[in-house]
Every structure is written in structure tokens, then in C-alpha cells.
Amino acid sequence: MIMDDKTLVVTPEMTVLDVVSQHRETEKIFKRLEEETGSCVCCQGLFLSVGEAAERFGFDLERVLSDLNSIISDEKE
């Protein structure tokens, strides 16, 4: 699912710290990434943008953005 920029709460330019601090429920997505990548994104990439973290840790940026934005929109409902 591709979201347009108007529906995105989390963008590739936001830091992992900003995402987790503004939307605590997203922490479980980053925990899942730890299992997938073998690296703690929150520990080792807290100050990276989500896009930079995707490059460094090798996860699918579009999928993670979709997951992050979905969990945030679910919490708002």
C-alpha cells in the first residue's frame, strides 16, 4: 500500500528518536526489526533518520513506513 505524503505521519526524514518519542506504540515495529536485522535499531540508530536506518540495517523502508503509519492510525481510531 502506497500512502501519499498527506497521510504520512512518519516520513523517511524523521529520526528514529522522533518517531518513538512521539508515537510510543511504534516501538514494537522497531523491536520486530531487531529480530529481522540482528541489530537494535533503537540502540544503534536512534539519531538516524528512518531512511538512513533502512540503508544501514538493511530493512525495507517502504514496508516499515507503511507499518509505522498503520500502527499510528490504528491508535488514533
N, C-alpha and C. Protein backbone atom coordinates (compact mmCIF):
# COMPACT_ATOMS: atom_id res chain seq x y z
N MET A 1 0.85 -1.18 0.00
CA MET A 1 0.00 0.00 0.00
C MET A 1 0.89 1.24 0.00
N ILE A 2 0.68 2.11 -0.95
CA ILE A 2 1.44 3.34 -1.02
C ILE A 2 0.57 4.47 -0.51
N MET A 3 1.11 5.21 0.45
CA MET A 3 0.37 6.33 1.03
C MET A 3 0.90 7.62 0.42
N ASP A 4 0.03 8.58 0.20
CA ASP A 4 0.53 9.85 -0.28
C ASP A 4 1.07 10.63 0.92
N ASP A 5 1.85 11.67 0.61
CA ASP A 5 2.53 12.43 1.67
C ASP A 5 1.58 13.04 2.68
N LYS A 6 0.35 13.31 2.28
CA LYS A 6 -0.61 13.93 3.21
C LYS A 6 -1.05 12.96 4.31
N THR A 7 -0.99 11.65 4.03
CA THR A 7 -1.41 10.69 5.04
C THR A 7 -0.24 10.19 5.89
N LEU A 8 0.99 10.55 5.50
CA LEU A 8 2.14 10.09 6.24
C LEU A 8 2.34 10.89 7.52
N VAL A 9 2.41 10.20 8.62
CA VAL A 9 2.78 10.81 9.88
C VAL A 9 4.29 10.65 10.03
N VAL A 10 4.77 9.46 9.71
CA VAL A 10 6.20 9.16 9.75
C VAL A 10 6.74 9.24 8.33
N THR A 11 7.79 10.02 8.15
CA THR A 11 8.44 10.16 6.85
C THR A 11 9.86 9.63 6.94
N PRO A 12 10.50 9.35 5.80
CA PRO A 12 11.88 8.83 5.83
C PRO A 12 12.87 9.80 6.48
N GLU A 13 12.53 11.08 6.52
CA GLU A 13 13.44 12.08 7.06
C GLU A 13 13.40 12.18 8.58
N MET A 14 12.35 11.66 9.20
CA MET A 14 12.23 11.72 10.66
C MET A 14 13.24 10.80 11.32
N THR A 15 13.77 11.22 12.47
CA THR A 15 14.70 10.35 13.19
C THR A 15 13.92 9.27 13.92
N VAL A 16 14.60 8.17 14.17
CA VAL A 16 14.01 7.07 14.94
C VAL A 16 13.58 7.61 16.31
N LEU A 17 14.41 8.46 16.91
CA LEU A 17 14.08 9.06 18.21
C LEU A 17 12.78 9.84 18.15
N ASP A 18 12.60 10.65 17.13
CA ASP A 18 11.36 11.44 17.00
C ASP A 18 10.15 10.53 16.86
N VAL A 19 10.29 9.49 16.06
CA VAL A 19 9.16 8.58 15.83
C VAL A 19 8.74 7.91 17.14
N VAL A 20 9.71 7.33 17.84
CA VAL A 20 9.40 6.59 19.07
C VAL A 20 8.93 7.52 20.19
N SER A 21 9.53 8.70 20.29
CA SER A 21 9.13 9.61 21.37
C SER A 21 7.74 10.20 21.12
N GLN A 22 7.38 10.44 19.87
CA GLN A 22 6.06 10.99 19.56
C GLN A 22 4.97 9.93 19.49
N HIS A 23 5.36 8.70 19.19
CA HIS A 23 4.40 7.61 18.99
C HIS A 23 4.96 6.35 19.62
N ARG A 24 4.77 6.21 20.93
CA ARG A 24 5.35 5.10 21.69
C ARG A 24 4.96 3.73 21.14
N GLU A 25 3.78 3.65 20.54
CA GLU A 25 3.31 2.37 20.02
C GLU A 25 4.17 1.85 18.87
N THR A 26 5.00 2.72 18.26
CA THR A 26 5.85 2.29 17.15
C THR A 26 7.05 1.49 17.62
N GLU A 27 7.32 1.52 18.92
CA GLU A 27 8.48 0.80 19.44
C GLU A 27 8.43 -0.69 19.08
N LYS A 28 7.23 -1.26 19.03
CA LYS A 28 7.14 -2.69 18.70
C LYS A 28 7.56 -2.97 17.26
N ILE A 29 7.38 -2.02 16.36
CA ILE A 29 7.85 -2.19 14.98
C ILE A 29 9.38 -2.24 14.97
N PHE A 30 10.01 -1.34 15.73
CA PHE A 30 11.47 -1.33 15.79
C PHE A 30 12.01 -2.58 16.48
N LYS A 31 11.28 -3.10 17.46
CA LYS A 31 11.67 -4.36 18.12
C LYS A 31 11.61 -5.51 17.11
N ARG A 32 10.58 -5.51 16.27
CA ARG A 32 10.48 -6.55 15.23
C ARG A 32 11.66 -6.45 14.27
N LEU A 33 12.07 -5.22 13.96
CA LEU A 33 13.22 -5.05 13.07
C LEU A 33 14.49 -5.59 13.70
N GLU A 34 14.59 -5.50 15.02
CA GLU A 34 15.75 -6.07 15.71
C GLU A 34 15.84 -7.57 15.45
N GLU A 35 14.70 -8.24 15.50
CA GLU A 35 14.67 -9.68 15.22
C GLU A 35 15.06 -9.97 13.77
N GLU A 36 14.59 -9.12 12.85
CA GLU A 36 14.86 -9.33 11.43
C GLU A 36 16.31 -9.02 11.05
N THR A 37 16.87 -7.95 11.62
CA THR A 37 18.19 -7.49 11.19
C THR A 37 19.32 -7.94 12.10
N GLY A 38 18.98 -8.36 13.32
CA GLY A 38 20.01 -8.74 14.28
C GLY A 38 20.67 -7.55 14.96
N SER A 39 20.14 -6.35 14.69
CA SER A 39 20.66 -5.13 15.30
C SER A 39 19.52 -4.37 15.95
N CYS A 40 19.81 -3.76 17.10
CA CYS A 40 18.79 -2.93 17.75
C CYS A 40 18.80 -1.56 17.09
N VAL A 41 17.79 -1.29 16.28
CA VAL A 41 17.70 -0.03 15.57
C VAL A 41 17.59 1.13 16.56
N CYS A 42 16.84 0.93 17.64
CA CYS A 42 16.68 2.00 18.64
C CYS A 42 17.99 2.27 19.38
N CYS A 43 18.81 1.25 19.58
CA CYS A 43 20.10 1.43 20.29
C CYS A 43 21.17 2.01 19.36
N GLN A 44 21.27 1.44 18.17
CA GLN A 44 22.37 1.77 17.28
C GLN A 44 22.02 2.82 16.23
N GLY A 45 20.73 3.13 16.10
CA GLY A 45 20.33 4.08 15.07
C GLY A 45 19.36 5.14 15.54
N LEU A 46 19.35 5.41 16.84
CA LEU A 46 18.37 6.32 17.43
C LEU A 46 18.38 7.70 16.79
N PHE A 47 19.55 8.19 16.41
CA PHE A 47 19.66 9.54 15.87
C PHE A 47 19.70 9.58 14.35
N LEU A 48 19.56 8.41 13.73
CA LEU A 48 19.48 8.34 12.27
C LEU A 48 18.05 8.63 11.82
N SER A 49 17.92 9.12 10.60
CA SER A 49 16.57 9.20 10.04
C SER A 49 16.12 7.77 9.74
N VAL A 50 14.84 7.58 9.59
CA VAL A 50 14.31 6.25 9.28
C VAL A 50 14.91 5.76 7.95
N GLY A 51 15.05 6.67 7.00
CA GLY A 51 15.66 6.32 5.71
C GLY A 51 17.10 5.88 5.85
N GLU A 52 17.88 6.60 6.66
CA GLU A 52 19.28 6.22 6.90
C GLU A 52 19.37 4.89 7.63
N ALA A 53 18.47 4.68 8.58
CA ALA A 53 18.44 3.42 9.32
C ALA A 53 18.15 2.25 8.38
N ALA A 54 17.25 2.46 7.43
CA ALA A 54 16.94 1.41 6.46
C ALA A 54 18.18 1.04 5.66
N GLU A 55 18.94 2.05 5.24
CA GLU A 55 20.17 1.79 4.49
C GLU A 55 21.19 1.06 5.36
N ARG A 56 21.38 1.52 6.59
CA ARG A 56 22.40 0.94 7.47
C ARG A 56 22.06 -0.48 7.90
N PHE A 57 20.78 -0.72 8.25
CA PHE A 57 20.40 -2.01 8.82
C PHE A 57 19.78 -2.96 7.80
N GLY A 58 19.49 -2.45 6.59
CA GLY A 58 19.05 -3.32 5.51
C GLY A 58 17.59 -3.76 5.57
N PHE A 59 16.72 -2.91 6.12
CA PHE A 59 15.31 -3.27 6.09
C PHE A 59 14.58 -2.50 4.99
N ASP A 60 13.41 -2.99 4.62
CA ASP A 60 12.60 -2.42 3.55
C ASP A 60 11.93 -1.13 4.05
N LEU A 61 12.41 0.01 3.57
CA LEU A 61 11.92 1.31 4.03
C LEU A 61 10.43 1.48 3.80
N GLU A 62 9.95 1.17 2.61
CA GLU A 62 8.53 1.37 2.30
C GLU A 62 7.63 0.53 3.20
N ARG A 63 8.01 -0.71 3.43
CA ARG A 63 7.22 -1.59 4.29
C ARG A 63 7.19 -1.07 5.72
N VAL A 64 8.35 -0.65 6.22
CA VAL A 64 8.42 -0.16 7.60
C VAL A 64 7.65 1.15 7.75
N LEU A 65 7.76 2.05 6.79
CA LEU A 65 6.97 3.28 6.85
C LEU A 65 5.48 2.97 6.87
N SER A 66 5.07 2.04 6.03
CA SER A 66 3.67 1.63 5.99
C SER A 66 3.24 1.05 7.34
N ASP A 67 4.08 0.19 7.91
CA ASP A 67 3.77 -0.42 9.21
C ASP A 67 3.69 0.64 10.31
N LEU A 68 4.66 1.55 10.32
CA LEU A 68 4.67 2.61 11.34
C LEU A 68 3.43 3.49 11.23
N ASN A 69 3.12 3.92 10.02
CA ASN A 69 1.96 4.79 9.83
C ASN A 69 0.65 4.06 10.10
N SER A 70 0.60 2.77 9.79
CA SER A 70 -0.61 1.99 10.07
C SER A 70 -0.85 1.87 11.57
N ILE A 71 0.20 1.59 12.32
CA ILE A 71 0.03 1.42 13.76
C ILE A 71 -0.38 2.74 14.41
N ILE A 72 0.14 3.85 13.89
CA ILE A 72 -0.24 5.17 14.43
C ILE A 72 -1.70 5.47 14.10
N SER A 73 -2.12 5.20 12.87
CA SER A 73 -3.51 5.48 12.50
C SER A 73 -4.46 4.57 13.26
N ASP A 74 -4.06 3.31 13.54
CA ASP A 74 -4.88 2.40 14.33
C ASP A 74 -5.08 2.94 15.75
N GLU A 75 -4.03 3.52 16.31
CA GLU A 75 -4.11 4.05 17.68
C GLU A 75 -5.01 5.28 17.74
N LYS A 76 -5.09 6.03 16.64
CA LYS A 76 -5.92 7.24 16.61
C LYS A 76 -7.39 6.93 16.52
N GLU A 77 -7.71 5.75 16.00
CA GLU A 77 -9.13 5.39 15.81
C GLU A 77 -9.79 4.95 17.08
